[in-house]
Amino acid sequence: MSADIVVIGGGPVGLAAALYAVRSGLAPVILEPRAGSIDKACGEGLMPGGLQALTELGVDPPGHDLRGIRYLARGRAVEADFSAGPGRGVRRTTLHGALGEAVAAVGVEVLPFGAAEVTQDGATVTVRTDDCGRAGPTLTAPWVVAADGLHSPTRRSLGLDRDHAAVRRLPVGSRRSARTAESRPLRRYGLRQHYGIRPWGDHVEVHWGPHGEAYVTPVADDLVGVAVLSRQRNPLSDGLAQFPALRERLGGAPVVTSVLGAGPLRQRTTHRVAGRVLLAGDASGYVDALTGEGISLGLAHARLAVAAVVAGDPQSYERSWRAATRRYSLLTHALVQATRPAWGRRLLVPAAATLPPVFRGAVNELASPS
């Protein structure tokens, strides 16, 4: 089979890349072995910039409008409203379903296979597909956009996984290898579950505890998502024990979804482009979910990757990716490092309450369109 562009991964970013491709006059094919609307451990809060990008694609998923962000810790709270209009809390499955309907409406083919092997020459990329060992069609296209997630097999197969490449280069047991292991970035993990309760506010709440954060996102009139991010790999119930006020607020609310997890969150890449293959979304690298910009940033990646393909200049994507990702990377990395020590976590909310213009500025810098 042949196409103008093959999109590896049928999550929100891959589906958006296909929509941008169609709008640019290209004929895409999507590879996604999982059927239906795919759930994922995700904060589920769309920043105003991400909501605007979806609107421009003709996608309007239902959810719960969000006015801004509220930080809470040790009986104190500080909040910042979005200046660019509301965001929206949207169930991951709802978002995926809305994008899937838009892709189906423009006739994009979604093949139920994964990418088993990606090879290329100067003009063509060849993707061999399979499904649990069952061989599928072999696709050829001038370009590939890989949006296959946080632990992207495509990224690793192309040698673009920075941490994996660094470990592979160092001899086991060497002093340098030991130092590298000690200095690796903080590994953090996320767990998420939903509770059948009426939202008590229209902000995303971030509760700061001694070892992690709890994120509360209203996603419907009778549903809130609760996610816990921490360096500790404990059950969700143990994570929520850090937040007695939140646990009391949830009370006896029914649990309506199973726990989903993700991590380690930090994923570094050497490059975002390898020949005619471009990485987008979490596959292109990820700092942390702390600032909640993942979907918005992924949609920007999809748009910029397709623009580079249309221009026939894949290396321009490296530049545009860096520009789009810069503020997220700088602010998120700074916040993760500042709250790494226990004293940093204790001081964050008081500091934000003392300097509300700084807090509002940071929130709206991340919320604005990429």
Protein backbone atom coordinates (compact mmCIF):
# COMPACT_ATOMS: atom_id res chain seq x y z
CA MET A 1 0.00 0.00 0.00
CA SER A 2 1.12 3.54 -0.61
CA ALA A 3 0.12 6.89 0.88
CA ASP A 4 1.33 10.47 0.98
CA ILE A 5 2.07 10.14 4.69
CA VAL A 6 1.87 7.30 7.22
CA VAL A 7 0.90 8.23 10.78
CA ILE A 8 2.07 5.69 13.37
CA GLY A 9 -0.25 5.86 16.37
CA GLY A 10 -3.97 6.59 16.42
CA GLY A 11 -4.17 8.57 19.66
CA PRO A 12 -5.24 12.24 19.73
CA VAL A 13 -1.93 13.51 18.31
CA GLY A 14 -1.85 10.96 15.49
CA LEU A 15 -5.48 11.64 14.60
CA ALA A 16 -4.83 15.39 14.60
CA ALA A 17 -1.79 14.89 12.35
CA ALA A 18 -4.01 13.03 9.87
CA LEU A 19 -6.55 15.87 9.93
CA TYR A 20 -3.83 18.46 9.32
CA ALA A 21 -2.51 16.31 6.46
CA VAL A 22 -5.94 16.15 4.80
CA ARG A 23 -6.30 19.92 5.14
CA SER A 24 -2.94 20.26 3.37
CA GLY A 25 -4.07 18.11 0.45
CA LEU A 26 -2.26 14.93 1.51
CA ALA A 27 -3.68 11.40 1.70
CA PRO A 28 -2.69 9.91 5.08
CA VAL A 29 -2.99 6.38 6.46
CA ILE A 30 -3.05 5.77 10.22
CA LEU A 31 -1.65 2.67 11.92
CA GLU A 32 -3.34 1.80 15.23
CA PRO A 33 -3.72 -1.79 16.43
CA ARG A 34 -6.07 -0.91 19.32
CA ALA A 35 -9.77 -0.67 18.52
CA GLY A 36 -12.27 1.92 19.75
CA SER A 37 -11.64 4.97 21.91
CA ILE A 38 -8.37 4.46 23.75
CA ASP A 39 -8.12 5.42 27.41
CA LYS A 40 -4.89 6.56 29.04
CA ALA A 41 -3.62 7.85 32.38
CA CYS A 42 -4.01 11.53 31.58
CA GLY A 43 -4.91 14.67 33.52
CA GLU A 44 -7.65 15.35 30.92
CA GLY A 45 -7.48 19.13 31.18
CA LEU A 46 -7.33 20.97 27.87
CA MET A 47 -5.59 24.33 28.09
CA PRO A 48 -7.25 27.21 26.16
CA GLY A 49 -4.62 26.89 23.41
CA GLY A 50 -5.37 23.21 22.93
CA LEU A 51 -9.11 23.85 22.88
CA GLN A 52 -8.59 26.53 20.24
CA ALA A 53 -6.54 24.11 18.11
CA LEU A 54 -9.34 21.52 18.27
CA THR A 55 -11.92 24.14 17.31
CA GLU A 56 -9.86 25.06 14.26
CA LEU A 57 -9.89 21.38 13.29
CA GLY A 58 -13.69 21.32 13.60
CA VAL A 59 -13.58 19.16 16.75
CA ASP A 60 -15.64 20.17 19.80
CA PRO A 61 -15.64 17.42 22.46
CA PRO A 62 -18.10 17.80 25.34
CA GLY A 63 -16.75 18.27 28.84
CA HIS A 64 -16.62 20.75 31.70
CA ASP A 65 -15.37 24.31 31.19
CA LEU A 66 -12.30 25.28 33.22
CA ARG A 67 -11.58 28.83 34.36
CA GLY A 68 -8.01 28.28 35.47
CA ILE A 69 -5.64 26.52 37.88
CA ARG A 70 -5.75 26.37 41.68
CA TYR A 71 -2.81 25.25 43.86
CA LEU A 72 -3.54 23.98 47.38
CA ALA A 73 -1.26 22.91 50.26
CA ARG A 74 -1.37 22.92 54.06
CA GLY A 75 -4.61 24.88 54.26
CA ARG A 76 -3.55 27.58 51.77
CA ALA A 77 -4.73 28.11 48.21
CA VAL A 78 -3.86 30.32 45.27
CA GLU A 79 -5.52 30.39 41.87
CA ALA A 80 -5.02 31.95 38.46
CA ASP A 81 -7.69 32.29 35.78
CA PHE A 82 -6.97 31.82 32.10
CA SER A 83 -6.84 35.15 30.27
CA ALA A 84 -7.29 33.59 26.80
CA GLY A 85 -10.72 32.12 27.55
CA PRO A 86 -11.75 28.88 29.19
CA GLY A 87 -10.08 25.53 28.96
CA ARG A 88 -12.07 22.32 29.18
CA GLY A 89 -11.92 19.10 31.16
CA VAL A 90 -12.58 16.25 28.72
CA ARG A 91 -12.50 12.50 29.26
CA ARG A 92 -9.67 11.00 27.28
CA THR A 93 -12.05 8.55 25.62
CA THR A 94 -14.40 11.40 24.69
CA LEU A 95 -11.57 13.38 23.09
CA HIS A 96 -10.36 10.32 21.21
CA GLY A 97 -13.87 9.55 20.00
CA ALA A 98 -14.45 13.10 18.74
CA LEU A 99 -11.17 13.11 16.81
CA GLY A 100 -11.89 9.63 15.48
CA GLU A 101 -15.24 10.79 14.13
CA ALA A 102 -13.58 13.75 12.42
CA VAL A 103 -10.99 11.47 10.80
CA ALA A 104 -13.69 9.06 9.61
CA ALA A 105 -15.72 11.95 8.21
CA VAL A 106 -12.88 12.95 5.85
CA GLY A 107 -12.26 9.34 4.77
CA VAL A 108 -8.89 8.66 6.38
CA GLU A 109 -8.12 4.95 6.54
CA VAL A 110 -7.15 3.55 9.94
CA LEU A 111 -5.41 0.16 9.64
CA PRO A 112 -5.59 -2.17 12.68
CA PHE A 113 -1.86 -2.88 12.75
CA GLY A 114 1.25 -1.66 14.51
CA ALA A 115 4.55 -0.64 12.94
CA ALA A 116 6.88 -3.62 13.20
CA GLU A 117 9.78 -2.13 11.22
CA VAL A 118 10.53 1.28 9.70
CA THR A 119 13.20 1.59 7.01
CA GLN A 120 13.93 4.36 4.54
CA ASP A 121 16.04 5.55 1.68
CA GLY A 122 16.47 9.02 0.24
CA ALA A 123 12.93 9.26 -1.13
CA THR A 124 10.70 6.67 0.55
CA VAL A 125 9.87 5.28 3.98
CA THR A 126 8.78 1.64 4.18
CA VAL A 127 6.71 0.49 7.16
CA ARG A 128 6.24 -3.21 7.74
CA THR A 129 3.18 -3.86 9.89
CA ASP A 130 1.87 -6.64 12.08
CA ASP A 131 -0.72 -7.39 14.74
CA CYS A 132 0.49 -9.65 17.57
CA GLY A 133 2.79 -11.52 15.20
CA ARG A 134 0.29 -11.65 12.33
CA ALA A 135 1.86 -9.96 9.31
CA GLY A 136 -0.01 -7.01 7.88
CA PRO A 137 0.45 -4.92 4.77
CA THR A 138 3.71 -3.17 3.97
CA LEU A 139 3.22 0.56 3.47
CA THR A 140 5.36 2.99 1.53
CA ALA A 141 5.18 6.76 1.72
CA PRO A 142 7.46 9.76 1.30
CA TRP A 143 6.94 10.68 4.97
CA VAL A 144 6.08 9.19 8.36
CA VAL A 145 4.84 10.98 11.48
CA ALA A 146 5.33 8.80 14.55
CA ALA A 147 2.92 9.65 17.36
CA ASP A 148 3.15 6.34 19.18
CA GLY A 149 3.34 7.60 22.71
CA LEU A 150 5.55 8.09 25.73
CA HIS A 151 7.53 4.88 25.21
CA SER A 152 7.56 5.13 21.41
CA PRO A 153 8.90 1.96 19.75
CA THR A 154 9.60 4.03 16.63
CA ARG A 155 11.74 6.48 18.57
CA ARG A 156 13.81 3.67 20.03
CA SER A 157 14.16 1.76 16.76
CA LEU A 158 15.53 4.89 15.07
CA GLY A 159 18.06 5.48 17.84
CA LEU A 160 16.47 8.75 18.94
CA ASP A 161 15.90 7.72 22.57
CA ARG A 162 18.52 9.78 24.41
CA ASP A 163 18.59 7.92 27.73
CA HIS A 164 18.62 4.50 26.08
CA ALA A 165 21.41 5.56 23.72
CA ALA A 166 23.51 6.93 26.61
CA VAL A 167 23.20 3.73 28.62
CA ARG A 168 24.05 1.63 25.55
CA ARG A 169 27.27 3.60 24.95
CA LEU A 170 28.65 3.17 28.48
CA PRO A 171 30.29 -0.08 29.62
CA VAL A 172 28.47 -1.77 32.45
CA GLY A 173 30.18 -1.26 35.81
CA SER A 174 32.28 1.71 34.69
CA ARG A 175 32.64 4.70 37.01
CA ARG A 176 31.14 6.92 34.37
CA SER A 177 28.21 4.52 34.03
CA ALA A 178 27.65 4.67 37.80
CA ARG A 179 27.78 8.47 37.83
CA THR A 180 25.32 8.62 34.93
CA ALA A 181 22.88 6.39 36.81
CA GLU A 182 23.15 8.61 39.91
CA SER A 183 22.56 11.83 37.95
CA ARG A 184 19.61 10.67 35.90
CA PRO A 185 16.54 12.94 36.01
CA LEU A 186 13.94 12.31 38.67
CA ARG A 187 11.65 9.45 37.64
CA ARG A 188 7.99 10.20 38.26
CA TYR A 189 4.88 8.14 37.68
CA GLY A 190 1.18 8.89 37.37
CA LEU A 191 -2.03 7.11 38.37
CA ARG A 192 -5.55 8.22 37.47
CA GLN A 193 -9.12 7.26 38.40
CA HIS A 194 -12.60 8.82 38.10
CA TYR A 195 -15.20 9.49 40.75
CA GLY A 196 -18.92 9.93 40.21
CA ILE A 197 -19.36 13.23 42.03
CA ARG A 198 -20.50 16.70 41.02
CA PRO A 199 -17.49 19.01 40.51
CA TRP A 200 -17.09 21.49 43.36
CA GLY A 201 -15.31 24.09 41.24
CA ASP A 202 -14.34 25.11 37.73
CA HIS A 203 -10.56 25.12 38.18
CA VAL A 204 -8.08 22.30 37.84
CA GLU A 205 -6.93 21.74 41.41
CA VAL A 206 -3.34 20.77 42.15
CA HIS A 207 -2.93 19.54 45.72
CA TRP A 208 0.71 19.55 46.86
CA GLY A 209 1.81 16.85 49.28
CA PRO A 210 5.14 15.82 50.78
CA HIS A 211 5.93 13.31 48.02
CA GLY A 212 3.68 14.15 45.08
CA GLU A 213 0.72 16.06 43.70
CA ALA A 214 -2.93 15.21 43.22
CA TYR A 215 -4.71 16.71 40.22
CA VAL A 216 -8.48 17.10 40.25
CA THR A 217 -10.08 17.82 36.87
CA PRO A 218 -13.84 18.19 36.36
CA VAL A 219 -14.64 16.37 33.12
CA ALA A 220 -18.46 16.31 33.23
CA ASP A 221 -21.31 17.62 35.37
CA ASP A 222 -21.19 14.44 37.46
CA LEU A 223 -17.59 13.26 37.06
CA VAL A 224 -14.13 14.29 38.23
CA GLY A 225 -10.80 12.74 37.37
CA VAL A 226 -8.17 12.43 40.09
CA ALA A 227 -4.55 11.80 39.16
CA VAL A 228 -1.59 11.41 41.52
CA LEU A 229 1.96 12.11 40.30
CA SER A 230 4.86 11.02 42.44
CA ARG A 231 8.31 9.50 42.42
CA GLN A 232 6.87 6.69 44.54
CA ARG A 233 5.31 3.72 42.76
CA ASN A 234 2.55 3.04 45.28
CA PRO A 235 -1.15 2.18 44.89
CA LEU A 236 -3.45 5.13 44.27
CA SER A 237 -5.00 4.76 47.72
CA ASP A 238 -1.56 5.26 49.29
CA GLY A 239 -0.97 8.30 47.13
CA LEU A 240 -4.28 9.88 48.10
CA ALA A 241 -3.42 9.36 51.78
CA GLN A 242 -1.06 12.35 51.40
CA PHE A 243 -4.11 14.57 50.78
CA PRO A 244 -6.61 14.15 53.64
CA ALA A 245 -8.66 17.22 52.64
CA LEU A 246 -9.11 15.88 49.11
CA ARG A 247 -9.90 12.41 50.37
CA GLU A 248 -12.55 13.89 52.65
CA ARG A 249 -13.98 15.92 49.75
CA LEU A 250 -14.32 12.76 47.66
CA GLY A 251 -16.03 11.10 50.62
CA GLY A 252 -17.99 8.04 49.61
CA ALA A 253 -18.24 9.03 45.94
CA PRO A 254 -18.46 5.95 43.72
CA VAL A 255 -15.38 4.96 41.77
CA VAL A 256 -16.44 4.65 38.13
CA THR A 257 -13.22 3.75 36.31
CA SER A 258 -10.29 1.47 37.00
CA VAL A 259 -6.87 2.84 37.88
CA LEU A 260 -4.58 3.53 34.92
CA GLY A 261 -0.88 4.32 35.23
CA ALA A 262 1.88 5.93 33.19
CA GLY A 263 5.60 6.43 33.58
CA PRO A 264 8.36 7.06 33.97
CA LEU A 265 7.23 10.43 32.63
CA ARG A 266 10.59 11.95 31.72
CA GLN A 267 11.57 10.91 28.18
CA ARG A 268 14.46 12.59 26.36
CA THR A 269 15.25 12.49 22.65
CA THR A 270 18.41 13.21 20.73
CA HIS A 271 16.49 14.57 17.73
CA ARG A 272 12.88 14.77 16.57
CA VAL A 273 13.66 13.98 12.92
CA ALA A 274 15.41 10.98 11.39
CA GLY A 275 15.48 11.34 7.61
CA ARG A 276 11.84 11.30 6.53
CA VAL A 277 10.42 10.27 9.92
CA LEU A 278 9.19 12.95 12.32
CA LEU A 279 8.27 12.38 15.98
CA ALA A 280 5.24 14.16 17.46
CA GLY A 281 3.53 14.35 20.85
CA ASP A 282 4.93 12.35 23.76
CA ALA A 283 7.00 10.29 21.31
CA SER A 284 9.11 13.38 20.61
CA GLY A 285 10.13 13.81 24.25
CA TYR A 286 8.43 14.66 27.52
CA VAL A 287 9.37 16.46 30.72
CA ASP A 288 6.50 15.96 33.16
CA ALA A 289 2.70 16.14 33.40
CA LEU A 290 2.94 18.72 36.17
CA THR A 291 1.82 21.69 34.08
CA GLY A 292 -0.91 19.86 32.15
CA GLU A 293 0.10 20.99 28.67
CA GLY A 294 0.53 17.57 27.06
CA ILE A 295 -2.43 17.50 24.67
CA SER A 296 -2.07 21.15 23.66
CA LEU A 297 1.61 20.66 22.91
CA GLY A 298 0.95 17.43 21.00
CA LEU A 299 -1.59 19.16 18.77
CA ALA A 300 0.99 21.85 18.02
CA HIS A 301 3.54 19.16 17.14
CA ALA A 302 1.07 17.54 14.75
CA ARG A 303 0.44 20.82 12.96
CA LEU A 304 4.13 21.72 12.72
CA ALA A 305 5.19 18.26 11.55
CA VAL A 306 2.68 18.30 8.71
CA ALA A 307 3.75 21.85 7.78
CA ALA A 308 7.36 20.65 7.50
CA VAL A 309 6.27 17.73 5.33
CA VAL A 310 4.29 20.01 3.03
CA ALA A 311 7.32 22.29 2.74
CA GLY A 312 9.55 19.30 1.97
CA ASP A 313 11.87 20.49 4.74
CA PRO A 314 11.84 18.02 7.64
CA GLN A 315 14.70 19.76 9.43
CA SER A 316 12.53 22.85 9.80
CA TYR A 317 10.48 20.74 12.20
CA GLU A 318 13.44 20.52 14.58
CA ARG A 319 13.44 24.31 14.79
CA SER A 320 9.68 24.73 15.06
CA TRP A 321 9.45 21.86 17.61
CA ARG A 322 12.03 23.58 19.82
CA ALA A 323 10.22 26.91 19.55
CA ALA A 324 6.85 25.37 20.43
CA THR A 325 8.26 23.28 23.27
CA ARG A 326 10.63 25.82 24.80
CA ARG A 327 8.34 27.48 27.31
CA TYR A 328 6.82 24.16 28.41
CA SER A 329 10.25 22.59 28.86
CA LEU A 330 11.74 25.53 30.75
CA LEU A 331 8.81 26.15 33.09
CA THR A 332 8.07 22.50 33.74
CA HIS A 333 11.69 21.55 34.33
CA ALA A 334 12.14 24.53 36.66
CA LEU A 335 9.02 23.60 38.64
CA VAL A 336 10.00 19.93 38.89
CA GLN A 337 13.48 20.85 40.13
CA ALA A 338 12.22 23.52 42.55
CA THR A 339 9.84 21.05 44.16
CA ARG A 340 12.29 18.16 44.25
CA PRO A 341 13.42 18.89 47.84
CA ALA A 342 10.82 18.74 50.62
CA TRP A 343 11.35 22.39 51.54
CA GLY A 344 10.65 23.43 47.95
CA ARG A 345 7.29 21.65 48.00
CA ARG A 346 6.40 23.33 51.31
CA LEU A 347 7.25 26.81 50.04
CA LEU A 348 5.67 26.66 46.58
CA VAL A 349 2.07 27.58 47.40
CA PRO A 350 3.01 30.30 49.95
CA ALA A 351 5.39 31.78 47.37
CA ALA A 352 2.71 31.73 44.66
CA ALA A 353 0.23 33.37 47.06
CA THR A 354 2.79 36.08 47.87
CA LEU A 355 3.53 36.76 44.18
CA PRO A 356 0.18 36.28 42.38
CA PRO A 357 1.26 38.16 39.20
CA VAL A 358 4.13 35.69 38.75
CA PHE A 359 1.81 32.72 39.25
CA ARG A 360 -0.77 34.13 36.82
CA GLY A 361 1.95 34.87 34.29
CA ALA A 362 3.30 31.31 34.42
CA VAL A 363 -0.17 29.77 34.13
CA ASN A 364 -1.13 31.91 31.16
CA GLU A 365 2.23 31.46 29.44
CA LEU A 366 1.52 27.73 29.36
CA ALA A 367 -2.17 28.17 28.51
CA SER A 368 -1.66 30.35 25.43
CA PRO A 369 -1.64 28.82 21.93
CA SER A 370 1.67 27.32 20.75
